[in-house]
Amino acid sequence: MTREAAARILERIALLLELKGENPFKIRAYKTGAEVVESYAGDIMQLAAENRLAGIKGIGEALRDKLYEMATTGRLEFFEKLKAELISRGILEKIKEPPQLPKMRPFNEIDIIKFEKILREQSNTLTIFE
């Protein structure tokens, strides 16, 4: 697994934990971990595969274990279980649905002329923010 893919998974875990209402410190740990994985100067995934991440600031024991799993198996069971849990609770379906917007017809020239006329008539009393 690439560092980019691992960082993306950690970012998604942070988002899912936020949706779940988890502890903000735990959420922040995953966000920080994603940033560290993306910005680390060396081959962090090779270090993870060799279980040599101890001492890297921003990567605690739990994240070391998860990065090791991602580096050696190409997946993360915790992430899969978290997604499954939120799907079963109906949370992810709500997010995937696009917002329902009213159907609108395109403006035509007559609409624009009417709008300009209304603006001219209301110019003295028109306020954008109230």
C-alpha atoms as a PDB file:
ATOM      1  CA  MET A   1       0.000   0.000   0.000  1.00  0.00           C
ATOM      2  CA  THR A   2       1.275   3.480  -0.814  1.00  0.00           C
ATOM      3  CA  ARG A   3       1.705   6.235   1.744  1.00  0.00           C
ATOM      4  CA  GLU A   4      -1.017   8.222  -0.032  1.00  0.00           C
ATOM      5  CA  ALA A   5      -3.511   5.360   0.278  1.00  0.00           C
ATOM      6  CA  ALA A   6      -2.639   4.823   3.947  1.00  0.00           C
ATOM      7  CA  ALA A   7      -3.017   8.543   4.699  1.00  0.00           C
ATOM      8  CA  ARG A   8      -6.364   8.602   2.886  1.00  0.00           C
ATOM      9  CA  ILE A   9      -7.601   5.686   5.001  1.00  0.00           C
ATOM     10  CA  LEU A  10      -6.516   7.422   8.219  1.00  0.00           C
ATOM     11  CA  GLU A  11      -8.321  10.605   7.109  1.00  0.00           C
ATOM     12  CA  ARG A  12     -11.465   8.610   6.357  1.00  0.00           C
ATOM     13  CA  ILE A  13     -11.287   6.896   9.731  1.00  0.00           C
ATOM     14  CA  ALA A  14     -11.128  10.333  11.380  1.00  0.00           C
ATOM     15  CA  LEU A  15     -14.215  11.403   9.443  1.00  0.00           C
ATOM     16  CA  LEU A  16     -16.128   8.226  10.283  1.00  0.00           C
ATOM     17  CA  LEU A  17     -15.219   8.520  13.959  1.00  0.00           C
ATOM     18  CA  GLU A  18     -16.435  12.113  13.896  1.00  0.00           C
ATOM     19  CA  LEU A  19     -19.741  10.993  12.393  1.00  0.00           C
ATOM     20  CA  LYS A  20     -19.973   8.323  15.057  1.00  0.00           C
ATOM     21  CA  GLY A  21     -19.460  10.929  17.796  1.00  0.00           C
ATOM     22  CA  GLU A  22     -16.172   9.541  19.097  1.00  0.00           C
ATOM     23  CA  ASN A  23     -13.724  11.267  21.395  1.00  0.00           C
ATOM     24  CA  PRO A  24     -12.242  14.378  19.699  1.00  0.00           C
ATOM     25  CA  PHE A  25      -8.725  13.410  20.832  1.00  0.00           C
ATOM     26  CA  LYS A  26      -9.015  10.067  19.053  1.00  0.00           C
ATOM     27  CA  ILE A  27     -10.254  11.812  15.908  1.00  0.00           C
ATOM     28  CA  ARG A  28      -7.364  14.265  16.074  1.00  0.00           C
ATOM     29  CA  ALA A  29      -4.881  11.396  16.478  1.00  0.00           C
ATOM     30  CA  TYR A  30      -6.032   9.902  13.159  1.00  0.00           C
ATOM     31  CA  LYS A  31      -5.877  13.275  11.418  1.00  0.00           C
ATOM     32  CA  THR A  32      -2.385  13.876  12.769  1.00  0.00           C
ATOM     33  CA  GLY A  33      -1.353  10.373  11.777  1.00  0.00           C
ATOM     34  CA  ALA A  34      -2.533  10.993   8.222  1.00  0.00           C
ATOM     35  CA  GLU A  35      -0.516  14.220   8.062  1.00  0.00           C
ATOM     36  CA  VAL A  36       2.601  12.491   9.379  1.00  0.00           C
ATOM     37  CA  VAL A  37       2.253   9.608   6.913  1.00  0.00           C
ATOM     38  CA  GLU A  38       1.910  12.034   3.999  1.00  0.00           C
ATOM     39  CA  SER A  39       4.745  14.332   4.997  1.00  0.00           C
ATOM     40  CA  TYR A  40       7.324  11.904   6.415  1.00  0.00           C
ATOM     41  CA  ALA A  41      10.633  12.297   4.594  1.00  0.00           C
ATOM     42  CA  GLY A  42      11.532   8.604   4.446  1.00  0.00           C
ATOM     43  CA  ASP A  43       9.701   5.500   3.256  1.00  0.00           C
ATOM     44  CA  ILE A  44       7.224   5.338   6.104  1.00  0.00           C
ATOM     45  CA  MET A  45       5.378   2.333   4.683  1.00  0.00           C
ATOM     46  CA  GLN A  46       8.608   0.323   4.551  1.00  0.00           C
ATOM     47  CA  LEU A  47       9.271   1.278   8.164  1.00  0.00           C
ATOM     48  CA  ALA A  48       5.711   0.252   9.015  1.00  0.00           C
ATOM     49  CA  ALA A  49       6.184  -3.126   7.304  1.00  0.00           C
ATOM     50  CA  GLU A  50       9.337  -3.628   9.366  1.00  0.00           C
ATOM     51  CA  ASN A  51       7.462  -2.505  12.504  1.00  0.00           C
ATOM     52  CA  ARG A  52       9.977   0.328  13.048  1.00  0.00           C
ATOM     53  CA  LEU A  53       7.708   3.346  13.597  1.00  0.00           C
ATOM     54  CA  ALA A  54       8.446   3.774  17.306  1.00  0.00           C
ATOM     55  CA  GLY A  55       9.667   7.270  18.071  1.00  0.00           C
ATOM     56  CA  ILE A  56       8.044   9.014  15.105  1.00  0.00           C
ATOM     57  CA  LYS A  57       6.175  12.008  16.501  1.00  0.00           C
ATOM     58  CA  GLY A  58       2.444  11.815  15.843  1.00  0.00           C
ATOM     59  CA  ILE A  59       2.380   8.024  15.454  1.00  0.00           C
ATOM     60  CA  GLY A  60       1.280   6.328  18.660  1.00  0.00           C
ATOM     61  CA  GLU A  61       1.048   2.625  19.384  1.00  0.00           C
ATOM     62  CA  ALA A  62      -2.456   2.173  17.952  1.00  0.00           C
ATOM     63  CA  LEU A  63      -1.517   3.920  14.699  1.00  0.00           C
ATOM     64  CA  ARG A  64       1.733   1.920  14.489  1.00  0.00           C
ATOM     65  CA  ASP A  65      -0.306  -1.284  14.631  1.00  0.00           C
ATOM     66  CA  LYS A  66      -2.725  -0.044  11.976  1.00  0.00           C
ATOM     67  CA  LEU A  67       0.056   1.129   9.664  1.00  0.00           C
ATOM     68  CA  TYR A  68       1.810  -2.229  10.103  1.00  0.00           C
ATOM     69  CA  GLU A  69      -1.392  -4.013   9.080  1.00  0.00           C
ATOM     70  CA  MET A  70      -1.870  -1.764   6.057  1.00  0.00           C
ATOM     71  CA  ALA A  71       1.768  -2.130   4.977  1.00  0.00           C
ATOM     72  CA  THR A  72       1.776  -5.926   5.304  1.00  0.00           C
ATOM     73  CA  THR A  73      -1.749  -6.849   4.159  1.00  0.00           C
ATOM     74  CA  GLY A  74      -2.832  -3.918   1.994  1.00  0.00           C
ATOM     75  CA  ARG A  75      -6.002  -3.413   4.021  1.00  0.00           C
ATOM     76  CA  LEU A  76      -7.177  -2.390   7.477  1.00  0.00           C
ATOM     77  CA  GLU A  77      -9.769  -4.505   9.255  1.00  0.00           C
ATOM     78  CA  PHE A  78     -10.603  -1.684  11.702  1.00  0.00           C
ATOM     79  CA  PHE A  79     -11.553   0.581   8.787  1.00  0.00           C
ATOM     80  CA  GLU A  80     -13.709  -2.110   7.184  1.00  0.00           C
ATOM     81  CA  LYS A  81     -15.522  -2.806  10.471  1.00  0.00           C
ATOM     82  CA  LEU A  82     -16.057   0.907  11.112  1.00  0.00           C
ATOM     83  CA  LYS A  83     -17.569   1.389   7.645  1.00  0.00           C
ATOM     84  CA  ALA A  84     -19.792  -1.675   8.134  1.00  0.00           C
ATOM     85  CA  GLU A  85     -20.977  -0.391  11.509  1.00  0.00           C
ATOM     86  CA  LEU A  86     -21.919   3.021  10.134  1.00  0.00           C
ATOM     87  CA  ILE A  87     -23.613   1.447   7.114  1.00  0.00           C
ATOM     88  CA  SER A  88     -25.671  -0.822   9.377  1.00  0.00           C
ATOM     89  CA  ARG A  89     -26.700   2.217  11.428  1.00  0.00           C
ATOM     90  CA  GLY A  90     -27.746   4.029   8.227  1.00  0.00           C
ATOM     91  CA  ILE A  91     -25.261   6.860   8.693  1.00  0.00           C
ATOM     92  CA  LEU A  92     -23.235   6.417   5.501  1.00  0.00           C
ATOM     93  CA  GLU A  93     -26.303   6.079   3.278  1.00  0.00           C
ATOM     94  CA  LYS A  94     -27.465   9.500   4.402  1.00  0.00           C
ATOM     95  CA  ILE A  95     -24.132  10.988   3.398  1.00  0.00           C
ATOM     96  CA  LYS A  96     -24.014   9.286  -0.003  1.00  0.00           C
ATOM     97  CA  GLU A  97     -27.440  10.587  -1.030  1.00  0.00           C
ATOM     98  CA  PRO A  98     -27.192  13.831  -2.994  1.00  0.00           C
ATOM     99  CA  PRO A  99     -29.208  16.708  -1.596  1.00  0.00           C
ATOM    100  CA  GLN A 100     -32.685  16.979  -2.995  1.00  0.00           C
ATOM    101  CA  LEU A 101     -32.883  20.274  -4.821  1.00  0.00           C
ATOM    102  CA  PRO A 102     -36.028  21.666  -6.372  1.00  0.00           C
ATOM    103  CA  LYS A 103     -36.229  21.258 -10.113  1.00  0.00           C
ATOM    104  CA  MET A 104     -35.756  24.570 -11.850  1.00  0.00           C
ATOM    105  CA  ARG A 105     -36.135  25.548 -15.426  1.00  0.00           C
ATOM    106  CA  PRO A 106     -33.361  27.560 -17.079  1.00  0.00           C
ATOM    107  CA  PHE A 107     -33.725  31.328 -17.161  1.00  0.00           C
ATOM    108  CA  ASN A 108     -34.780  32.820 -20.436  1.00  0.00           C
ATOM    109  CA  GLU A 109     -34.458  36.366 -21.750  1.00  0.00           C
ATOM    110  CA  ILE A 110     -37.909  37.386 -20.492  1.00  0.00           C
ATOM    111  CA  ASP A 111     -37.039  36.246 -16.947  1.00  0.00           C
ATOM    112  CA  ILE A 112     -33.881  38.339 -16.997  1.00  0.00           C
ATOM    113  CA  ILE A 113     -35.717  41.415 -18.273  1.00  0.00           C
ATOM    114  CA  LYS A 114     -38.371  40.991 -15.543  1.00  0.00           C
ATOM    115  CA  PHE A 115     -35.666  40.570 -12.906  1.00  0.00           C
ATOM    116  CA  GLU A 116     -33.831  43.710 -14.066  1.00  0.00           C
ATOM    117  CA  LYS A 117     -37.110  45.662 -13.979  1.00  0.00           C
ATOM    118  CA  ILE A 118     -37.821  44.498 -10.421  1.00  0.00           C
ATOM    119  CA  LEU A 119     -34.295  45.457  -9.356  1.00  0.00           C
ATOM    120  CA  ARG A 120     -34.682  48.937 -10.841  1.00  0.00           C
ATOM    121  CA  GLU A 121     -38.049  49.418  -9.109  1.00  0.00           C
ATOM    122  CA  GLN A 122     -36.706  48.143  -5.788  1.00  0.00           C
ATOM    123  CA  SER A 123     -33.281  49.789  -5.979  1.00  0.00           C
ATOM    124  CA  ASN A 124     -34.022  52.178  -3.128  1.00  0.00           C
ATOM    125  CA  THR A 125     -35.195  49.461  -0.731  1.00  0.00           C
ATOM    126  CA  LEU A 126     -33.221  46.449  -1.880  1.00  0.00           C
ATOM    127  CA  THR A 127     -30.893  44.961   0.720  1.00  0.00           C
ATOM    128  CA  ILE A 128     -28.988  41.776   0.218  1.00  0.00           C
ATOM    129  CA  PHE A 129     -28.325  40.906   3.864  1.00  0.00           C
ATOM    130  CA  GLU A 130     -30.984  41.380   6.476  1.00  0.00           C
END
